[in-house]
PDB file of N, CA and C in Angstrom:
ATOM      1  N   MET A   1       1.395  14.415   7.877  1.00  0.00           N
ATOM      2  CA  MET A   1       0.517  15.112   6.582  1.00  0.00           C
ATOM      3  C   MET A   1       1.128  15.943   5.456  1.00  0.00           C
ATOM      4  N   LEU A   2       0.540  15.553   4.671  1.00  0.00           N
ATOM      5  CA  LEU A   2       0.655  16.003   3.454  1.00  0.00           C
ATOM      6  C   LEU A   2      -0.468  16.657   2.611  1.00  0.00           C
ATOM      7  N   ASN A   3      -0.420  17.244   1.411  1.00  0.00           N
ATOM      8  CA  ASN A   3      -1.724  17.478   0.545  1.00  0.00           C
ATOM      9  C   ASN A   3      -2.125  16.399  -0.215  1.00  0.00           C
ATOM     10  N   ASN A   4      -2.816  16.313  -0.834  1.00  0.00           N
ATOM     11  CA  ASN A   4      -3.687  15.202  -1.837  1.00  0.00           C
ATOM     12  C   ASN A   4      -2.807  14.397  -2.956  1.00  0.00           C
ATOM     13  N   GLY A   5      -1.633  15.172  -3.296  1.00  0.00           N
ATOM     14  CA  GLY A   5      -1.147  14.828  -4.694  1.00  0.00           C
ATOM     15  C   GLY A   5       0.339  14.182  -3.866  1.00  0.00           C
ATOM     16  N   TYR A   6       0.693  12.788  -4.438  1.00  0.00           N
ATOM     17  CA  TYR A   6       1.710  11.860  -4.046  1.00  0.00           C
ATOM     18  C   TYR A   6       2.579  11.204  -4.851  1.00  0.00           C
ATOM     19  N   GLN A   7       3.833  11.424  -4.919  1.00  0.00           N
ATOM     20  CA  GLN A   7       4.835  11.043  -5.481  1.00  0.00           C
ATOM     21  C   GLN A   7       4.854   9.772  -5.888  1.00  0.00           C
ATOM     22  N   SER A   8       5.109   8.076  -6.204  1.00  0.00           N
ATOM     23  CA  SER A   8       5.629   7.057  -6.071  1.00  0.00           C
ATOM     24  C   SER A   8       6.883   7.121  -5.896  1.00  0.00           C
ATOM     25  N   ASN A   9       7.050   5.636  -5.073  1.00  0.00           N
ATOM     26  CA  ASN A   9       8.543   5.345  -5.467  1.00  0.00           C
ATOM     27  C   ASN A   9       8.757   4.216  -6.518  1.00  0.00           C
ATOM     28  N   GLU A  10       9.378   3.096  -6.691  1.00  0.00           N
ATOM     29  CA  GLU A  10       9.470   1.886  -7.650  1.00  0.00           C
ATOM     30  C   GLU A  10       8.391   0.894  -8.016  1.00  0.00           C
ATOM     31  N   ALA A  11       7.708   0.650  -6.757  1.00  0.00           N
ATOM     32  CA  ALA A  11       6.939  -0.456  -7.267  1.00  0.00           C
ATOM     33  C   ALA A  11       5.720   0.440  -6.130  1.00  0.00           C
ATOM     34  N   SER A  12       4.110   0.472  -6.284  1.00  0.00           N
ATOM     35  CA  SER A  12       3.827   1.137  -5.484  1.00  0.00           C
ATOM     36  C   SER A  12       1.895   0.257  -5.573  1.00  0.00           C
ATOM     37  N   VAL A  13       1.093   0.261  -4.432  1.00  0.00           N
ATOM     38  CA  VAL A  13       0.124  -0.775  -4.367  1.00  0.00           C
ATOM     39  C   VAL A  13      -0.871   0.043  -4.155  1.00  0.00           C
ATOM     40  N   ILE A  14      -2.199   0.293  -4.487  1.00  0.00           N
ATOM     41  CA  ILE A  14      -3.173   1.146  -3.978  1.00  0.00           C
ATOM     42  C   ILE A  14      -4.233   0.300  -3.597  1.00  0.00           C
ATOM     43  N   LEU A  15      -4.514   0.667  -2.188  1.00  0.00           N
ATOM     44  CA  LEU A  15      -6.042  -0.460  -1.866  1.00  0.00           C
ATOM     45  C   LEU A  15      -7.525   0.483  -1.709  1.00  0.00           C
ATOM     46  N   GLY A  16      -8.823   0.262  -2.168  1.00  0.00           N
ATOM     47  CA  GLY A  16      -9.332   1.423  -1.982  1.00  0.00           C
ATOM     48  C   GLY A  16      -9.733   0.785  -0.924  1.00  0.00           C
ATOM     49  N   VAL A  17     -10.481   1.869  -0.171  1.00  0.00           N
ATOM     50  CA  VAL A  17     -11.396   1.608   1.455  1.00  0.00           C
ATOM     51  C   VAL A  17     -12.756   1.758   0.729  1.00  0.00           C
ATOM     52  N   THR A  18     -13.476   0.812   1.304  1.00  0.00           N
ATOM     53  CA  THR A  18     -15.025   1.063   1.456  1.00  0.00           C
ATOM     54  C   THR A  18     -15.882   1.020   2.708  1.00  0.00           C
ATOM     55  N   GLY A  19     -16.753   1.558   3.274  1.00  0.00           N
ATOM     56  CA  GLY A  19     -17.839   1.088   4.102  1.00  0.00           C
ATOM     57  C   GLY A  19     -17.616   2.197   5.388  1.00  0.00           C
ATOM     58  N   ASP A  20     -18.001   2.008   6.558  1.00  0.00           N
ATOM     59  CA  ASP A  20     -17.692   3.361   7.450  1.00  0.00           C
ATOM     60  C   ASP A  20     -16.382   3.988   7.112  1.00  0.00           C
ATOM     61  N   LEU A  21     -15.333   3.704   6.529  1.00  0.00           N
ATOM     62  CA  LEU A  21     -14.576   4.673   6.159  1.00  0.00           C
ATOM     63  C   LEU A  21     -14.132   4.349   4.441  1.00  0.00           C
ATOM     64  N   LYS A  22     -14.080   5.597   3.524  1.00  0.00           N
ATOM     65  CA  LYS A  22     -13.705   5.168   2.498  1.00  0.00           C
ATOM     66  C   LYS A  22     -13.093   6.668   2.527  1.00  0.00           C
ATOM     67  N   GLY A  23     -11.881   5.620   1.199  1.00  0.00           N
ATOM     68  CA  GLY A  23     -10.718   6.186   1.019  1.00  0.00           C
ATOM     69  C   GLY A  23      -9.923   5.351   0.176  1.00  0.00           C
ATOM     70  N   THR A  24      -8.252   5.507   0.208  1.00  0.00           N
ATOM     71  CA  THR A  24      -7.186   5.115  -0.570  1.00  0.00           C
ATOM     72  C   THR A  24      -6.366   4.257   0.329  1.00  0.00           C
ATOM     73  N   ILE A  25      -5.335   3.535   0.618  1.00  0.00           N
ATOM     74  CA  ILE A  25      -4.588   3.330   1.373  1.00  0.00           C
ATOM     75  C   ILE A  25      -3.229   3.094   0.273  1.00  0.00           C
ATOM     76  N   LEU A  26      -2.321   4.015   0.157  1.00  0.00           N
ATOM     77  CA  LEU A  26      -1.425   3.698  -1.007  1.00  0.00           C
ATOM     78  C   LEU A  26       0.241   3.133   0.019  1.00  0.00           C
ATOM     79  N   PHE A  27       0.728   1.951  -0.725  1.00  0.00           N
ATOM     80  CA  PHE A  27       1.822   1.592  -0.567  1.00  0.00           C
ATOM     81  C   PHE A  27       3.143   1.794  -1.169  1.00  0.00           C
ATOM     82  N   ASN A  28       4.230   2.215  -0.921  1.00  0.00           N
ATOM     83  CA  ASN A  28       5.637   2.955  -1.937  1.00  0.00           C
ATOM     84  C   ASN A  28       6.523   1.406  -1.423  1.00  0.00           C
ATOM     85  N   PHE A  29       7.036   1.139  -2.544  1.00  0.00           N
ATOM     86  CA  PHE A  29       8.147   0.275  -2.180  1.00  0.00           C
ATOM     87  C   PHE A  29       9.403   0.656  -2.844  1.00  0.00           C
ATOM     88  N   PRO A  30      10.261   0.454  -2.573  1.00  0.00           N
ATOM     89  CA  PRO A  30      11.693   0.629  -3.907  1.00  0.00           C
ATOM     90  C   PRO A  30      12.006  -0.676  -3.870  1.00  0.00           C
ATOM     91  N   LYS A  31      12.417  -0.907  -4.974  1.00  0.00           N
ATOM     92  CA  LYS A  31      12.555  -1.943  -5.847  1.00  0.00           C
ATOM     93  C   LYS A  31      13.593  -3.008  -5.641  1.00  0.00           C
ATOM     94  N   THR A  32      14.534  -2.830  -4.378  1.00  0.00           N
ATOM     95  CA  THR A  32      15.718  -3.635  -4.335  1.00  0.00           C
ATOM     96  C   THR A  32      14.417  -4.218  -2.480  1.00  0.00           C
ATOM     97  N   MET A  33      13.743  -3.541  -2.144  1.00  0.00           N
ATOM     98  CA  MET A  33      12.504  -3.718  -1.064  1.00  0.00           C
ATOM     99  C   MET A  33      12.159  -5.815  -1.427  1.00  0.00           C
ATOM    100  N   VAL A  34      11.010  -5.045  -2.495  1.00  0.00           N
ATOM    101  CA  VAL A  34      10.513  -5.965  -3.117  1.00  0.00           C
ATOM    102  C   VAL A  34      10.809  -7.289  -3.776  1.00  0.00           C
ATOM    103  N   LEU A  35      12.566  -7.096  -4.510  1.00  0.00           N
ATOM    104  CA  LEU A  35      12.975  -7.756  -4.536  1.00  0.00           C
ATOM    105  C   LEU A  35      13.058  -9.310  -3.444  1.00  0.00           C
ATOM    106  N   GLU A  36      13.540  -8.332  -2.580  1.00  0.00           N
ATOM    107  CA  GLU A  36      13.963  -8.801  -0.938  1.00  0.00           C
ATOM    108  C   GLU A  36      12.658  -9.777  -0.515  1.00  0.00           C
ATOM    109  N   MET A  37      11.820  -8.819  -0.422  1.00  0.00           N
ATOM    110  CA  MET A  37      10.367  -9.731   0.292  1.00  0.00           C
ATOM    111  C   MET A  37       9.782 -10.900  -0.449  1.00  0.00           C
ATOM    112  N   VAL A  38       9.993 -10.748  -1.876  1.00  0.00           N
ATOM    113  CA  VAL A  38       9.541 -12.284  -3.072  1.00  0.00           C
ATOM    114  C   VAL A  38      10.787 -13.212  -2.502  1.00  0.00           C
ATOM    115  N   LYS A  39      11.987 -12.636  -2.121  1.00  0.00           N
ATOM    116  CA  LYS A  39      12.809 -13.775  -1.956  1.00  0.00           C
ATOM    117  C   LYS A  39      12.569 -14.656  -0.874  1.00  0.00           C
ATOM    118  N   ILE A  40      12.209 -13.659   0.692  1.00  0.00           N
ATOM    119  CA  ILE A  40      12.074 -14.115   2.046  1.00  0.00           C
ATOM    120  C   ILE A  40      10.814 -15.175   1.559  1.00  0.00           C
ATOM    121  N   MET A  41       9.784 -14.600   1.022  1.00  0.00           N
ATOM    122  CA  MET A  41       8.357 -15.521   1.078  1.00  0.00           C
ATOM    123  C   MET A  41       8.313 -16.693   0.162  1.00  0.00           C
ATOM    124  N   SER A  42       8.853 -17.061  -0.807  1.00  0.00           N
ATOM    125  CA  SER A  42       9.031 -17.537  -2.131  1.00  0.00           C
ATOM    126  C   SER A  42      10.328 -18.206  -2.131  1.00  0.00           C
ATOM    127  N   GLY A  43      11.337 -17.745  -1.461  1.00  0.00           N
ATOM    128  CA  GLY A  43      12.498 -18.561  -1.680  1.00  0.00           C
ATOM    129  C   GLY A  43      13.162 -18.289  -2.975  1.00  0.00           C
ATOM    130  N   MET A  44      12.759 -17.773  -3.866  1.00  0.00           N
ATOM    131  CA  MET A  44      12.842 -17.321  -5.199  1.00  0.00           C
ATOM    132  C   MET A  44      14.041 -16.413  -5.920  1.00  0.00           C
ATOM    133  N   GLU A  45      14.920 -16.081  -6.101  1.00  0.00           N
ATOM    134  CA  GLU A  45      15.806 -14.993  -6.498  1.00  0.00           C
ATOM    135  C   GLU A  45      15.211 -14.353  -7.516  1.00  0.00           C
ATOM    136  N   MET A  46      14.996 -13.177  -7.702  1.00  0.00           N
ATOM    137  CA  MET A  46      13.712 -12.410  -8.735  1.00  0.00           C
ATOM    138  C   MET A  46      15.213 -10.703  -9.035  1.00  0.00           C
ATOM    139  N   GLU A  47      15.076 -10.370 -10.520  1.00  0.00           N
ATOM    140  CA  GLU A  47      16.350  -9.326 -10.991  1.00  0.00           C
ATOM    141  C   GLU A  47      15.061  -9.206 -11.277  1.00  0.00           C
ATOM    142  N   GLN A  48      13.643  -8.944 -11.704  1.00  0.00           N
ATOM    143  CA  GLN A  48      12.797  -7.535 -11.976  1.00  0.00           C
ATOM    144  C   GLN A  48      11.416  -7.738 -11.446  1.00  0.00           C
ATOM    145  N   ILE A  49      11.071  -6.892 -11.200  1.00  0.00           N
ATOM    146  CA  ILE A  49       9.415  -6.594 -11.105  1.00  0.00           C
ATOM    147  C   ILE A  49       8.470  -7.029 -12.201  1.00  0.00           C
ATOM    148  N   ASP A  50       8.303  -8.396 -12.448  1.00  0.00           N
ATOM    149  CA  ASP A  50       7.796  -8.868 -13.114  1.00  0.00           C
ATOM    150  C   ASP A  50       6.161  -9.223 -12.470  1.00  0.00           C
ATOM    151  N   SER A  51       5.325 -10.072 -13.508  1.00  0.00           N
ATOM    152  CA  SER A  51       4.092 -10.037 -13.286  1.00  0.00           C
ATOM    153  C   SER A  51       4.077 -10.907 -11.592  1.00  0.00           C
ATOM    154  N   PHE A  52       4.874 -12.151 -11.042  1.00  0.00           N
ATOM    155  CA  PHE A  52       4.866 -13.058 -10.013  1.00  0.00           C
ATOM    156  C   PHE A  52       5.322 -11.658  -8.862  1.00  0.00           C
ATOM    157  N   VAL A  53       5.787 -11.315  -9.351  1.00  0.00           N
ATOM    158  CA  VAL A  53       6.670  -9.830  -8.130  1.00  0.00           C
ATOM    159  C   VAL A  53       5.611  -8.861  -7.907  1.00  0.00           C
ATOM    160  N   SER A  54       4.782  -8.620  -8.847  1.00  0.00           N
ATOM    161  CA  SER A  54       4.099  -7.589  -8.457  1.00  0.00           C
ATOM    162  C   SER A  54       2.768  -8.255  -8.042  1.00  0.00           C
ATOM    163  N   SER A  55       2.275  -9.661  -8.786  1.00  0.00           N
ATOM    164  CA  SER A  55       1.135  -9.633  -7.324  1.00  0.00           C
ATOM    165  C   SER A  55       1.565 -10.379  -6.355  1.00  0.00           C
ATOM    166  N   ALA A  56       2.608 -10.574  -5.779  1.00  0.00           N
ATOM    167  CA  ALA A  56       2.902 -10.289  -4.788  1.00  0.00           C
ATOM    168  C   ALA A  56       3.271  -9.519  -3.492  1.00  0.00           C
ATOM    169  N   ILE A  57       4.173  -8.373  -4.627  1.00  0.00           N
ATOM    170  CA  ILE A  57       2.953  -7.285  -3.248  1.00  0.00           C
ATOM    171  C   ILE A  57       1.731  -6.891  -3.577  1.00  0.00           C
ATOM    172  N   GLY A  58       0.722  -7.272  -4.177  1.00  0.00           N
ATOM    173  CA  GLY A  58      -0.266  -6.853  -4.243  1.00  0.00           C
ATOM    174  C   GLY A  58      -0.860  -7.751  -2.893  1.00  0.00           C
ATOM    175  N   GLU A  59      -0.314  -9.215  -2.574  1.00  0.00           N
ATOM    176  CA  GLU A  59      -1.258  -9.994  -1.835  1.00  0.00           C
ATOM    177  C   GLU A  59      -0.410  -8.972  -0.215  1.00  0.00           C
ATOM    178  N   ILE A  60       1.489  -8.439  -0.132  1.00  0.00           N
ATOM    179  CA  ILE A  60       1.363  -8.102   0.873  1.00  0.00           C
ATOM    180  C   ILE A  60       0.914  -6.850   1.188  1.00  0.00           C
ATOM    181  N   ALA A  61       0.042  -6.030   0.621  1.00  0.00           N
ATOM    182  CA  ALA A  61      -0.842  -5.036   0.349  1.00  0.00           C
ATOM    183  C   ALA A  61      -2.204  -5.514   0.957  1.00  0.00           C
ATOM    184  N   ASN A  62      -2.566  -6.512   0.471  1.00  0.00           N
ATOM    185  CA  ASN A  62      -3.669  -7.084   1.413  1.00  0.00           C
ATOM    186  C   ASN A  62      -3.764  -7.346   2.364  1.00  0.00           C
ATOM    187  N   ILE A  63      -2.785  -8.284   2.678  1.00  0.00           N
ATOM    188  CA  ILE A  63      -2.209  -8.891   3.937  1.00  0.00           C
ATOM    189  C   ILE A  63      -2.367  -7.427   5.154  1.00  0.00           C
ATOM    190  N   ILE A  64      -1.546  -6.684   5.162  1.00  0.00           N
ATOM    191  CA  ILE A  64      -1.026  -5.340   5.742  1.00  0.00           C
ATOM    192  C   ILE A  64      -2.784  -4.407   5.524  1.00  0.00           C
ATOM    193  N   GLY A  65      -3.507  -4.528   4.730  1.00  0.00           N
ATOM    194  CA  GLY A  65      -4.748  -3.061   4.907  1.00  0.00           C
ATOM    195  C   GLY A  65      -5.732  -4.562   5.159  1.00  0.00           C
ATOM    196  N   GLY A  66      -5.896  -5.987   5.255  1.00  0.00           N
ATOM    197  CA  GLY A  66      -6.652  -6.910   6.065  1.00  0.00           C
ATOM    198  C   GLY A  66      -6.003  -6.560   7.646  1.00  0.00           C
ATOM    199  N   ASN A  67      -5.452  -6.660   7.864  1.00  0.00           N
ATOM    200  CA  ASN A  67      -5.307  -6.747   9.842  1.00  0.00           C
ATOM    201  C   ASN A  67      -5.285  -5.234  10.289  1.00  0.00           C
ATOM    202  N   ALA A  68      -4.913  -4.540   8.953  1.00  0.00           N
ATOM    203  CA  ALA A  68      -5.383  -2.733  10.029  1.00  0.00           C
ATOM    204  C   ALA A  68      -7.022  -2.651   9.842  1.00  0.00           C
ATOM    205  N   LEU A  69      -7.989  -3.315   9.047  1.00  0.00           N
ATOM    206  CA  LEU A  69      -9.347  -3.459   9.007  1.00  0.00           C
ATOM    207  C   LEU A  69      -9.438  -4.503  10.008  1.00  0.00           C
ATOM    208  N   THR A  70      -9.264  -5.029  10.663  1.00  0.00           N
ATOM    209  CA  THR A  70      -9.306  -6.023  11.388  1.00  0.00           C
ATOM    210  C   THR A  70      -9.334  -5.309  12.649  1.00  0.00           C
ATOM    211  N   ILE A  71      -8.167  -4.292  12.633  1.00  0.00           N
ATOM    212  CA  ILE A  71      -8.474  -3.319  13.910  1.00  0.00           C
ATOM    213  C   ILE A  71      -9.070  -2.715  14.121  1.00  0.00           C
ATOM    214  N   LEU A  72      -9.777  -2.148  13.152  1.00  0.00           N
ATOM    215  CA  LEU A  72     -10.913  -0.970  12.945  1.00  0.00           C
ATOM    216  C   LEU A  72     -12.065  -2.052  13.014  1.00  0.00           C
ATOM    217  N   SER A  73     -12.014  -2.671  12.782  1.00  0.00           N
ATOM    218  CA  SER A  73     -13.785  -3.302  13.265  1.00  0.00           C
ATOM    219  C   SER A  73     -13.711  -3.670  14.609  1.00  0.00           C
ATOM    220  N   SER A  74     -12.781  -4.063  15.419  1.00  0.00           N
ATOM    221  CA  SER A  74     -12.821  -3.497  16.819  1.00  0.00           C
ATOM    222  C   SER A  74     -13.349  -2.426  17.144  1.00  0.00           C
ATOM    223  N   ASN A  75     -13.097  -1.708  16.753  1.00  0.00           N
ATOM    224  CA  ASN A  75     -13.160  -0.405  17.231  1.00  0.00           C
ATOM    225  C   ASN A  75     -14.717   0.384  17.078  1.00  0.00           C
ATOM    226  N   ASN A  76     -15.377  -0.480  15.694  1.00  0.00           N
ATOM    227  CA  ASN A  76     -16.657  -0.443  15.590  1.00  0.00           C
ATOM    228  C   ASN A  76     -16.592   0.617  14.126  1.00  0.00           C
ATOM    229  N   TYR A  77     -15.405   0.010  13.530  1.00  0.00           N
ATOM    230  CA  TYR A  77     -15.843   0.449  12.211  1.00  0.00           C
ATOM    231  C   TYR A  77     -16.021  -0.436  10.960  1.00  0.00           C
ATOM    232  N   ASN A  78     -16.764  -0.924  10.424  1.00  0.00           N
ATOM    233  CA  ASN A  78     -16.854  -1.586   9.399  1.00  0.00           C
ATOM    234  C   ASN A  78     -16.895  -1.445   7.798  1.00  0.00           C
ATOM    235  N   CYS A  79     -15.388  -1.457   7.499  1.00  0.00           N
ATOM    236  CA  CYS A  79     -14.816  -1.542   6.058  1.00  0.00           C
ATOM    237  C   CYS A  79     -14.113  -2.805   5.451  1.00  0.00           C
ATOM    238  N   ASP A  80     -14.454  -2.759   4.307  1.00  0.00           N
ATOM    239  CA  ASP A  80     -13.226  -3.771   3.211  1.00  0.00           C
ATOM    240  C   ASP A  80     -12.816  -2.651   2.149  1.00  0.00           C
ATOM    241  N   ILE A  81     -11.622  -3.561   1.731  1.00  0.00           N
ATOM    242  CA  ILE A  81     -10.811  -3.503   0.959  1.00  0.00           C
ATOM    243  C   ILE A  81     -11.262  -4.077  -0.746  1.00  0.00           C
ATOM    244  N   VAL A  82     -10.997  -3.214  -1.627  1.00  0.00           N
ATOM    245  CA  VAL A  82     -10.944  -3.361  -3.143  1.00  0.00           C
ATOM    246  C   VAL A  82      -9.754  -4.081  -3.566  1.00  0.00           C
ATOM    247  N   THR A  83      -9.756  -4.780  -4.908  1.00  0.00           N
ATOM    248  CA  THR A  83      -8.451  -5.657  -5.313  1.00  0.00           C
ATOM    249  C   THR A  83      -7.653  -4.510  -5.585  1.00  0.00           C
ATOM    250  N   PRO A  84      -5.945  -4.626  -5.157  1.00  0.00           N
ATOM    251  CA  PRO A  84      -5.067  -3.622  -5.343  1.00  0.00           C
ATOM    252  C   PRO A  84      -4.782  -3.351  -6.805  1.00  0.00           C
ATOM    253  N   GLN A  85      -4.209  -2.246  -6.767  1.00  0.00           N
ATOM    254  CA  GLN A  85      -4.197  -1.492  -7.934  1.00  0.00           C
ATOM    255  C   GLN A  85      -2.196  -1.602  -8.277  1.00  0.00           C
ATOM    256  N   ILE A  86      -1.773  -2.393  -9.110  1.00  0.00           N
ATOM    257  CA  ILE A  86      -0.411  -2.195  -8.520  1.00  0.00           C
ATOM    258  C   ILE A  86       0.096  -1.663  -9.587  1.00  0.00           C
ATOM    259  N   PHE A  87       1.610  -0.444  -9.444  1.00  0.00           N
ATOM    260  CA  PHE A  87       1.865   0.172 -10.339  1.00  0.00           C
ATOM    261  C   PHE A  87       3.352  -0.236 -10.226  1.00  0.00           C
ATOM    262  N   VAL A  88       3.974   0.125 -11.194  1.00  0.00           N
ATOM    263  CA  VAL A  88       5.509  -0.427 -11.420  1.00  0.00           C
ATOM    264  C   VAL A  88       6.329   0.656 -12.207  1.00  0.00           C
ATOM    265  N   GLY A  89       7.051   0.858 -11.766  1.00  0.00           N
ATOM    266  CA  GLY A  89       8.014   2.373 -12.123  1.00  0.00           C
ATOM    267  C   GLY A  89       8.194   3.447 -11.719  1.00  0.00           C
ATOM    268  N   GLU A  90       9.469   3.993 -11.596  1.00  0.00           N
ATOM    269  CA  GLU A  90       9.343   5.519 -10.937  1.00  0.00           C
ATOM    270  C   GLU A  90       8.244   6.283 -11.224  1.00  0.00           C
ATOM    271  N   TYR A  91       8.161   7.710 -10.677  1.00  0.00           N
ATOM    272  CA  TYR A  91       7.703   8.575 -11.096  1.00  0.00           C
ATOM    273  C   TYR A  91       6.121   8.953 -11.614  1.00  0.00           C
ATOM    274  N   LYS A  92       5.438   7.569 -10.673  1.00  0.00           N
ATOM    275  CA  LYS A  92       4.421   8.194 -11.220  1.00  0.00           C
ATOM    276  C   LYS A  92       3.301   8.728  -9.897  1.00  0.00           C
ATOM    277  N   SER A  93       2.716  10.201 -10.349  1.00  0.00           N
ATOM    278  CA  SER A  93       1.554  10.342  -9.405  1.00  0.00           C
ATOM    279  C   SER A  93       0.836  10.242  -9.192  1.00  0.00           C
ATOM    280  N   PHE A  94       0.218  10.383  -7.945  1.00  0.00           N
ATOM    281  CA  PHE A  94      -0.942   9.976  -7.074  1.00  0.00           C
ATOM    282  C   PHE A  94      -1.921  10.931  -6.642  1.00  0.00           C
ATOM    283  N   TYR A  95      -3.391  10.148  -7.194  1.00  0.00           N
ATOM    284  CA  TYR A  95      -3.921  11.908  -6.551  1.00  0.00           C
ATOM    285  C   TYR A  95      -4.715  11.144  -5.368  1.00  0.00           C
ATOM    286  N   MET A  96      -4.735  11.486  -4.481  1.00  0.00           N
ATOM    287  CA  MET A  96      -5.907  10.531  -3.196  1.00  0.00           C
ATOM    288  C   MET A  96      -6.895  11.692  -2.625  1.00  0.00           C
ATOM    289  N   PRO A  97      -7.919  10.934  -2.531  1.00  0.00           N
ATOM    290  CA  PRO A  97      -9.352  11.669  -3.305  1.00  0.00           C
ATOM    291  C   PRO A  97      -9.517  12.698  -2.228  1.00  0.00           C
ATOM    292  N   ASN A  98      -8.647  12.392  -0.754  1.00  0.00           N
ATOM    293  CA  ASN A  98      -9.445  13.251   0.889  1.00  0.00           C
ATOM    294  C   ASN A  98      -8.335  14.371   0.469  1.00  0.00           C
ATOM    295  N   GLU A  99      -9.296  14.955   1.560  1.00  0.00           N
ATOM    296  CA  GLU A  99      -8.023  16.160   1.541  1.00  0.00           C
ATOM    297  C   GLU A  99      -6.534  16.278   2.547  1.00  0.00           C
ATOM    298  N   ILE A 100      -6.827  15.035   3.559  1.00  0.00           N
ATOM    299  CA  ILE A 100      -5.711  15.059   4.567  1.00  0.00           C
ATOM    300  C   ILE A 100      -4.990  13.700   4.547  1.00  0.00           C
ATOM    301  N   VAL A 101      -3.692  13.504   3.908  1.00  0.00           N
ATOM    302  CA  VAL A 101      -3.183  11.973   3.973  1.00  0.00           C
ATOM    303  C   VAL A 101      -1.729  12.229   4.703  1.00  0.00           C
ATOM    304  N   PHE A 102      -2.164  10.624   5.371  1.00  0.00           N
ATOM    305  CA  PHE A 102      -0.769  10.826   6.342  1.00  0.00           C
ATOM    306  C   PHE A 102      -0.035   9.857   6.275  1.00  0.00           C
ATOM    307  N   LEU A 103       1.261   9.977   5.803  1.00  0.00           N
ATOM    308  CA  LEU A 103       2.547   9.959   5.382  1.00  0.00           C
ATOM    309  C   LEU A 103       3.193   8.920   6.211  1.00  0.00           C
ATOM    310  N   LEU A 104       3.606   7.786   6.486  1.00  0.00           N
ATOM    311  CA  LEU A 104       3.840   6.868   7.480  1.00  0.00           C
ATOM    312  C   LEU A 104       5.389   6.121   6.928  1.00  0.00           C
ATOM    313  N   PRO A 105       6.268   6.658   7.107  1.00  0.00           N
ATOM    314  CA  PRO A 105       8.147   6.084   6.542  1.00  0.00           C
ATOM    315  C   PRO A 105       8.135   5.418   7.461  1.00  0.00           C
ATOM    316  N   LEU A 106       8.455   3.437   7.271  1.00  0.00           N
ATOM    317  CA  LEU A 106       8.712   2.684   8.209  1.00  0.00           C
ATOM    318  C   LEU A 106       9.986   2.085   7.377  1.00  0.00           C
ATOM    319  N   THR A 107      10.157   1.756   8.659  1.00  0.00           N
ATOM    320  CA  THR A 107      11.785   0.945   8.614  1.00  0.00           C
ATOM    321  C   THR A 107      11.958  -0.179   8.776  1.00  0.00           C
ATOM    322  N   THR A 108      11.922  -1.149   8.201  1.00  0.00           N
ATOM    323  CA  THR A 108      12.138  -2.894   8.089  1.00  0.00           C
ATOM    324  C   THR A 108      13.554  -3.227   8.263  1.00  0.00           C
ATOM    325  N   SER A 109      13.971  -4.222   8.381  1.00  0.00           N
ATOM    326  CA  SER A 109      15.410  -5.195   8.296  1.00  0.00           C
ATOM    327  C   SER A 109      15.592  -5.086   6.968  1.00  0.00           C
ATOM    328  N   ILE A 110      14.593  -5.157   5.934  1.00  0.00           N
ATOM    329  CA  ILE A 110      15.121  -5.469   4.560  1.00  0.00           C
ATOM    330  C   ILE A 110      15.010  -3.799   3.837  1.00  0.00           C
ATOM    331  N   GLY A 111      14.650  -2.875   4.597  1.00  0.00           N
ATOM    332  CA  GLY A 111      14.447  -1.866   3.434  1.00  0.00           C
ATOM    333  C   GLY A 111      13.695  -0.709   4.131  1.00  0.00           C
ATOM    334  N   GLU A 112      13.341   0.655   3.661  1.00  0.00           N
ATOM    335  CA  GLU A 112      12.362   1.868   4.447  1.00  0.00           C
ATOM    336  C   GLU A 112      11.063   1.697   3.016  1.00  0.00           C
ATOM    337  N   PHE A 113       9.870   1.291   3.236  1.00  0.00           N
ATOM    338  CA  PHE A 113       9.333   2.061   2.517  1.00  0.00           C
ATOM    339  C   PHE A 113       7.954   2.384   3.478  1.00  0.00           C
ATOM    340  N   GLU A 114       7.443   3.335   2.497  1.00  0.00           N
ATOM    341  CA  GLU A 114       5.735   4.362   2.794  1.00  0.00           C
ATOM    342  C   GLU A 114       4.530   3.608   2.836  1.00  0.00           C
ATOM    343  N   ILE A 115       4.105   4.260   3.845  1.00  0.00           N
ATOM    344  CA  ILE A 115       2.195   3.749   3.479  1.00  0.00           C
ATOM    345  C   ILE A 115       1.723   5.578   3.766  1.00  0.00           C
ATOM    346  N   ALA A 116       0.973   5.706   2.740  1.00  0.00           N
ATOM    347  CA  ALA A 116       0.177   6.944   2.657  1.00  0.00           C
ATOM    348  C   ALA A 116      -1.304   6.617   3.077  1.00  0.00           C
ATOM    349  N   ILE A 117      -1.868   7.055   3.642  1.00  0.00           N
ATOM    350  CA  ILE A 117      -3.568   6.873   4.001  1.00  0.00           C
ATOM    351  C   ILE A 117      -4.100   7.943   4.273  1.00  0.00           C
ATOM    352  N   SER A 118      -5.219   8.111   3.501  1.00  0.00           N
ATOM    353  CA  SER A 118      -6.235   8.719   2.862  1.00  0.00           C
ATOM    354  C   SER A 118      -7.348   8.533   2.844  1.00  0.00           C
ATOM    355  N   LEU A 119      -8.089   8.606   4.112  1.00  0.00           N
ATOM    356  CA  LEU A 119      -9.461   7.951   4.659  1.00  0.00           C
ATOM    357  C   LEU A 119     -10.291   9.232   5.209  1.00  0.00           C
ATOM    358  N   LYS A 120     -11.532   9.138   5.318  1.00  0.00           N
ATOM    359  CA  LYS A 120     -12.460   9.974   5.445  1.00  0.00           C
ATOM    360  C   LYS A 120     -14.214   9.377   5.817  1.00  0.00           C
ATOM    361  N   GLU A 121     -14.051   9.704   7.131  1.00  0.00           N
ATOM    362  CA  GLU A 121     -15.453   9.136   7.803  1.00  0.00           C
ATOM    363  C   GLU A 121     -17.019   9.494   6.380  1.00  0.00           C
ATOM    364  N   LYS A 122     -17.276   8.264   6.451  1.00  0.00           N
ATOM    365  CA  LYS A 122     -18.582   8.074   5.622  1.00  0.00           C
ATOM    366  C   LYS A 122     -19.897   9.562   6.278  1.00  0.00           C
ATOM    367  N   ALA A 123     -20.000  10.216   5.384  1.00  0.00           N
ATOM    368  CA  ALA A 123     -20.898  11.061   6.033  1.00  0.00           C
ATOM    369  C   ALA A 123     -22.444  10.636   5.972  1.00  0.00           C
TER     370      ALA A 123
END
């Protein structure tokens, strides 16, 4: 758990969540992992995080977020995600709107990334 300030990595995607739960989900990726994900998805070797790569990581966040919301709906939470915001470059700071942020460091076969979750039940 963190306070509501968060430092980004080289590529970050923010998904807003609305409905029974409100808040944000922040995906934080290192550049090398982003480029490897795009290579796996498209078969194209990329050297920079350009608009194509940015679009791909936005879609990855949508897929993960959508799957999470599907699981929440099976537990009687009706939520939607809004269009992802993509940020590229190191040392960006983000403010998460709720008091508590859960930080999930994840390890995959192509690298490590983090998901910061800040959700609150609608009052």
